[in-house]
Amino acid sequence: MKDSGASGAALVLGVFLVIAAGLLGHQLGSSVVRFKEYERTVVVKGLSEREVPADVVIWPIAFTVADNDLGQLYETLERDTEAIRAFLTQHGIGRAEITVAPPAVTDKLAQQYGGPPAEFRYLANQSVTVYSNDVATVRGAMGELASLGRSGIALSASNFAGGTEYLFTGLNELKPAMIEEATTKAREVAEKFAEDSQSRLGKIKRASQGQFSISDRDRNNPHVKKVRVVSTVEYYLSD
C-alpha cells in the first residue's frame, strides 16, 4: 500500500511538473513574440546631388596625311603638327599642356591584295592632345577648330563627334557636405513616417553610405557634371 501511495504521489508530481514546464514555455514564447513586436524599424533613403563644372579637359585633335613619298609625308606631318600647336597657343593654351603622339603610318602597297592600286601609297594618322585644367579656354579654342580645316589640315571626324573627355577631380571636397545632406534628408523622411504611423523615431540601428557617382548632366553638356550619393539608414520606432 505504501508503494502504491508513493507511486501515486510521484505521478501527481510529474503531471504538475509537465503543466508547469508548459506554462513556463508559453510565457517565454510570449515574451519573445512581444520583444520582436516592439523592435519595429523603418528603412529610409536620403539623396544628395550637385551640379559642378568639369575641372579637367582632354581634347585629342586627330588628322591624317597621305602621300606617295615617305619623306614628304613626314614633312607634312611636322608642318601640320606645328600649325596645330600654333593654333592652340594663339588661343591661350600653354605648350606644356600639348602632347604629340607618334604617327601611325600605313603602307598601302604592302597591304594590297590584287585590288586596284591606292591613290596614295602612304597614309599617316597623327594625334595632338590637349590636357588642361582651364576648361573654358579650351572650349573657346574648340569653337575655332574649323579654321584648321580651312588651312588644309585633314581633321578626322572624331574631332567633331564627341572625342573630348571631361573630368571632375574635386569629389573629396564635396563628400562631407553631401553625406551630411543625404543623412539629414533620410532622417526627415523617417520622421515623417513616424509621425504618420503615430510612432516616435528612435536611434539608428544601422546605416550605409552608397557609392558616389559622377556623370554628365546630359549629352549636350558633358562639361557639366552631376555628382550623386544615396545614404540608407534604418531607425528604431517606438510608441
Protein backbone atom coordinates (compact mmCIF):
# COMPACT_ATOMS: atom_id res chain seq x y z
CA MET A 1 0.00 0.00 0.00
CA LYS A 2 2.88 2.32 0.79
CA ASP A 3 4.39 1.65 -2.63
CA SER A 4 1.04 2.37 -4.28
CA GLY A 5 0.73 5.69 -2.41
CA ALA A 6 4.26 6.68 -3.29
CA SER A 7 3.67 5.92 -6.96
CA GLY A 8 0.50 7.98 -6.96
CA ALA A 9 2.28 10.94 -5.39
CA ALA A 10 5.08 10.69 -7.93
CA LEU A 11 2.56 10.60 -10.76
CA VAL A 12 0.76 13.69 -9.48
CA LEU A 13 4.11 15.48 -9.07
CA GLY A 14 5.09 14.55 -12.63
CA VAL A 15 1.84 15.90 -14.00
CA PHE A 16 2.33 19.19 -12.15
CA LEU A 17 5.91 19.46 -13.50
CA VAL A 18 4.71 18.91 -17.07
CA ILE A 19 1.99 21.54 -16.64
CA ALA A 20 4.45 23.98 -15.06
CA ALA A 21 7.00 23.45 -17.87
CA GLY A 22 4.29 24.04 -20.44
CA LEU A 23 3.15 27.24 -18.78
CA LEU A 24 6.77 28.44 -18.50
CA GLY A 25 7.41 27.66 -22.15
CA HIS A 26 4.25 29.52 -23.16
CA GLN A 27 5.29 32.54 -21.11
CA LEU A 28 8.81 32.54 -22.57
CA GLY A 29 7.42 32.18 -26.07
CA SER A 30 5.04 35.07 -25.49
CA SER A 31 7.94 37.19 -24.24
CA VAL A 32 9.91 36.54 -27.42
CA VAL A 33 6.96 37.47 -29.58
CA ARG A 34 6.39 40.69 -27.64
CA PHE A 35 10.09 41.57 -27.87
CA LYS A 36 10.06 41.15 -31.64
CA GLU A 37 6.88 43.13 -31.94
CA TYR A 38 8.41 46.04 -30.06
CA GLU A 39 11.57 46.01 -32.18
CA ARG A 40 9.98 47.95 -35.03
CA THR A 41 12.18 49.72 -37.55
CA VAL A 42 11.90 51.81 -40.70
CA VAL A 43 14.44 51.93 -43.55
CA VAL A 44 14.75 55.23 -45.43
CA LYS A 45 16.97 56.70 -48.12
CA GLY A 46 18.35 60.21 -48.49
CA LEU A 47 19.65 61.70 -51.74
CA SER A 48 22.20 64.44 -52.27
CA GLU A 49 23.02 65.86 -55.72
CA ARG A 50 25.29 68.59 -57.03
CA GLU A 51 25.91 70.07 -60.47
CA VAL A 52 29.54 71.08 -60.88
CA PRO A 53 31.71 72.21 -63.79
CA ALA A 54 34.39 69.81 -65.03
CA ASP A 55 37.87 70.87 -63.95
CA VAL A 56 39.91 68.83 -66.45
CA VAL A 57 39.54 68.55 -70.22
CA ILE A 58 41.29 66.05 -72.50
CA TRP A 59 40.99 67.11 -76.13
CA PRO A 60 42.58 64.93 -78.84
CA ILE A 61 42.94 66.57 -82.25
CA ALA A 62 43.43 63.87 -84.87
CA PHE A 63 44.37 64.41 -88.50
CA THR A 64 45.56 62.38 -91.48
CA VAL A 65 48.19 62.86 -94.16
CA ALA A 66 48.52 60.87 -97.41
CA ASP A 67 51.42 60.85 -99.87
CA ASN A 68 53.34 58.62 -102.25
CA ASP A 69 56.68 59.88 -100.95
CA LEU A 70 57.51 58.79 -97.40
CA GLY A 71 59.90 61.67 -96.76
CA GLN A 72 57.35 64.20 -97.96
CA LEU A 73 54.75 62.54 -95.77
CA TYR A 74 56.79 63.14 -92.61
CA GLU A 75 57.48 66.74 -93.62
CA THR A 76 53.76 67.35 -93.97
CA LEU A 77 53.13 65.71 -90.61
CA GLU A 78 55.62 68.01 -88.92
CA ARG A 79 54.22 71.08 -90.66
CA ASP A 80 50.62 70.28 -89.74
CA THR A 81 51.56 69.40 -86.17
CA GLU A 82 53.34 72.72 -85.74
CA ALA A 83 50.35 74.53 -87.25
CA ILE A 84 48.09 72.90 -84.66
CA ARG A 85 50.48 73.86 -81.85
CA ALA A 86 50.47 77.46 -83.08
CA PHE A 87 46.68 77.46 -83.27
CA LEU A 88 46.38 76.21 -79.70
CA THR A 89 48.89 78.65 -78.21
CA GLN A 90 47.21 81.53 -80.05
CA HIS A 91 44.01 80.59 -78.21
CA GLY A 92 45.63 80.68 -74.77
CA ILE A 93 46.66 77.04 -74.33
CA GLY A 94 50.15 76.53 -72.92
CA ARG A 95 52.70 74.43 -74.79
CA ALA A 96 53.14 72.30 -71.63
CA GLU A 97 49.50 71.28 -71.98
CA ILE A 98 50.05 69.94 -75.51
CA THR A 99 51.42 66.48 -76.29
CA VAL A 100 52.05 64.83 -79.64
CA ALA A 101 51.72 61.09 -80.16
CA PRO A 102 53.95 59.22 -82.65
CA PRO A 103 52.28 58.95 -86.06
CA ALA A 104 50.81 55.67 -87.24
CA VAL A 105 51.95 55.18 -90.86
CA THR A 106 50.41 52.59 -93.17
CA ASP A 107 51.97 51.37 -96.42
CA LYS A 108 49.00 50.66 -98.68
CA LEU A 109 51.20 48.82 -101.19
CA ALA A 110 52.26 46.30 -98.55
CA GLN A 111 48.59 45.65 -97.69
CA GLN A 112 47.33 45.38 -101.26
CA TYR A 113 45.90 42.02 -102.31
CA GLY A 114 45.24 42.13 -106.01
CA GLY A 115 42.83 45.07 -105.87
CA PRO A 116 43.17 48.36 -107.74
CA PRO A 117 46.20 50.42 -106.67
CA ALA A 118 45.60 53.03 -103.99
CA GLU A 119 45.86 56.68 -104.99
CA PHE A 120 48.42 57.26 -102.24
CA ARG A 121 50.82 54.62 -101.06
CA TYR A 122 51.37 56.02 -97.56
CA LEU A 123 48.72 57.09 -95.06
CA ALA A 124 49.55 58.57 -91.65
CA ASN A 125 47.30 59.20 -88.65
CA GLN A 126 48.56 61.75 -86.14
CA SER A 127 47.11 63.00 -82.84
CA VAL A 128 47.83 66.16 -80.86
CA THR A 129 46.28 66.09 -77.37
CA VAL A 130 45.46 68.91 -75.01
CA TYR A 131 45.29 68.11 -71.28
CA SER A 132 44.28 71.20 -69.35
CA ASN A 133 42.61 72.46 -66.18
CA ASP A 134 41.42 75.58 -67.99
CA VAL A 135 38.23 74.12 -69.41
CA ALA A 136 36.75 77.45 -70.52
CA THR A 137 39.83 78.40 -72.58
CA VAL A 138 39.98 75.01 -74.27
CA ARG A 139 36.29 75.11 -75.10
CA GLY A 140 36.82 78.51 -76.68
CA ALA A 141 39.52 77.05 -78.92
CA MET A 142 37.23 74.18 -79.89
CA GLY A 143 34.82 76.64 -81.41
CA GLU A 144 37.52 77.80 -83.81
CA LEU A 145 38.71 74.35 -84.85
CA ALA A 146 37.21 74.66 -88.33
CA SER A 147 39.85 77.26 -89.18
CA LEU A 148 42.45 74.47 -89.13
CA GLY A 149 40.44 72.56 -91.72
CA ARG A 150 40.24 75.64 -93.91
CA SER A 151 44.04 75.89 -93.75
CA GLY A 152 44.35 72.49 -95.44
CA ILE A 153 44.71 70.12 -92.46
CA ALA A 154 42.62 66.97 -92.90
CA LEU A 155 40.98 66.73 -89.49
CA SER A 156 39.42 63.40 -88.51
CA ALA A 157 35.68 63.15 -87.96
CA SER A 158 36.26 62.22 -84.29
CA ASN A 159 37.22 65.84 -83.60
CA PHE A 160 33.64 66.83 -84.25
CA ALA A 161 31.88 63.75 -82.84
CA GLY A 162 32.48 63.97 -79.11
CA GLY A 163 36.00 62.62 -78.78
CA THR A 164 36.72 65.09 -75.96
CA GLU A 165 36.69 63.87 -72.35
CA TYR A 166 35.75 66.00 -69.35
CA LEU A 167 36.64 65.08 -65.77
CA PHE A 168 35.78 66.32 -62.30
CA THR A 169 38.51 65.75 -59.70
CA GLY A 170 37.18 67.71 -56.72
CA LEU A 171 34.98 64.97 -55.23
CA ASN A 172 36.80 64.82 -51.88
CA GLU A 173 35.91 68.44 -51.21
CA LEU A 174 32.21 67.75 -51.75
CA LYS A 175 31.93 64.47 -49.84
CA PRO A 176 31.45 65.74 -46.23
CA ALA A 177 28.66 68.20 -47.07
CA MET A 178 26.89 65.77 -49.41
CA ILE A 179 26.96 62.91 -46.90
CA GLU A 180 25.55 65.23 -44.24
CA GLU A 181 22.79 66.38 -46.59
CA ALA A 182 21.87 62.84 -47.61
CA THR A 183 21.71 61.73 -43.96
CA THR A 184 19.61 64.76 -43.00
CA LYS A 185 17.13 64.06 -45.80
CA ALA A 186 16.89 60.42 -44.76
CA ARG A 187 16.03 61.47 -41.19
CA GLU A 188 13.37 63.89 -42.48
CA VAL A 189 11.70 61.03 -44.34
CA ALA A 190 11.90 58.79 -41.26
CA GLU A 191 10.40 61.49 -39.01
CA LYS A 192 7.50 61.96 -41.42
CA PHE A 193 6.89 58.20 -41.48
CA ALA A 194 6.97 58.06 -37.67
CA GLU A 195 4.51 60.92 -37.44
CA ASP A 196 2.13 59.33 -39.92
CA SER A 197 2.27 55.98 -38.10
CA GLN A 198 1.82 57.65 -34.67
CA SER A 199 5.23 56.47 -33.55
CA ARG A 200 8.37 58.08 -32.24
CA LEU A 201 11.67 57.92 -34.07
CA GLY A 202 14.41 56.19 -32.12
CA LYS A 203 18.13 55.68 -32.57
CA ILE A 204 19.84 54.49 -35.72
CA LYS A 205 20.00 50.71 -35.95
CA ARG A 206 22.28 50.64 -38.98
CA ALA A 207 23.35 52.96 -41.80
CA SER A 208 25.13 52.57 -45.11
CA GLN A 209 26.52 55.14 -47.50
CA GLY A 210 26.13 54.47 -51.20
CA GLN A 211 28.82 54.95 -53.80
CA PHE A 212 29.35 58.42 -55.19
CA SER A 213 28.62 58.67 -58.91
CA ILE A 214 29.78 61.32 -61.37
CA SER A 215 28.03 61.57 -64.73
CA ASP A 216 27.40 64.08 -67.50
CA ARG A 217 24.44 66.30 -66.81
CA ASP A 218 23.22 65.50 -70.32
CA ARG A 219 24.67 64.51 -73.70
CA ASN A 220 24.85 68.13 -74.90
CA ASN A 221 26.74 69.39 -71.84
CA PRO A 222 29.44 66.87 -70.93
CA HIS A 223 31.48 69.67 -69.33
CA VAL A 224 28.81 69.96 -66.61
CA LYS A 225 28.85 67.03 -64.19
CA LYS A 226 26.21 65.64 -61.85
CA VAL A 227 27.54 64.25 -58.56
CA ARG A 228 25.15 61.95 -56.66
CA VAL A 229 25.12 59.89 -53.47
CA VAL A 230 22.36 58.00 -51.62
CA SER A 231 22.53 57.14 -47.90
CA THR A 232 20.40 54.31 -46.46
CA VAL A 233 19.51 54.49 -42.75
CA GLU A 234 17.44 52.15 -40.56
CA TYR A 235 15.83 53.69 -37.46
CA TYR A 236 14.09 52.15 -34.47
CA LEU A 237 10.44 53.11 -33.92
CA SER A 238 8.62 53.23 -30.61
CA ASP A 239 5.08 54.10 -29.46
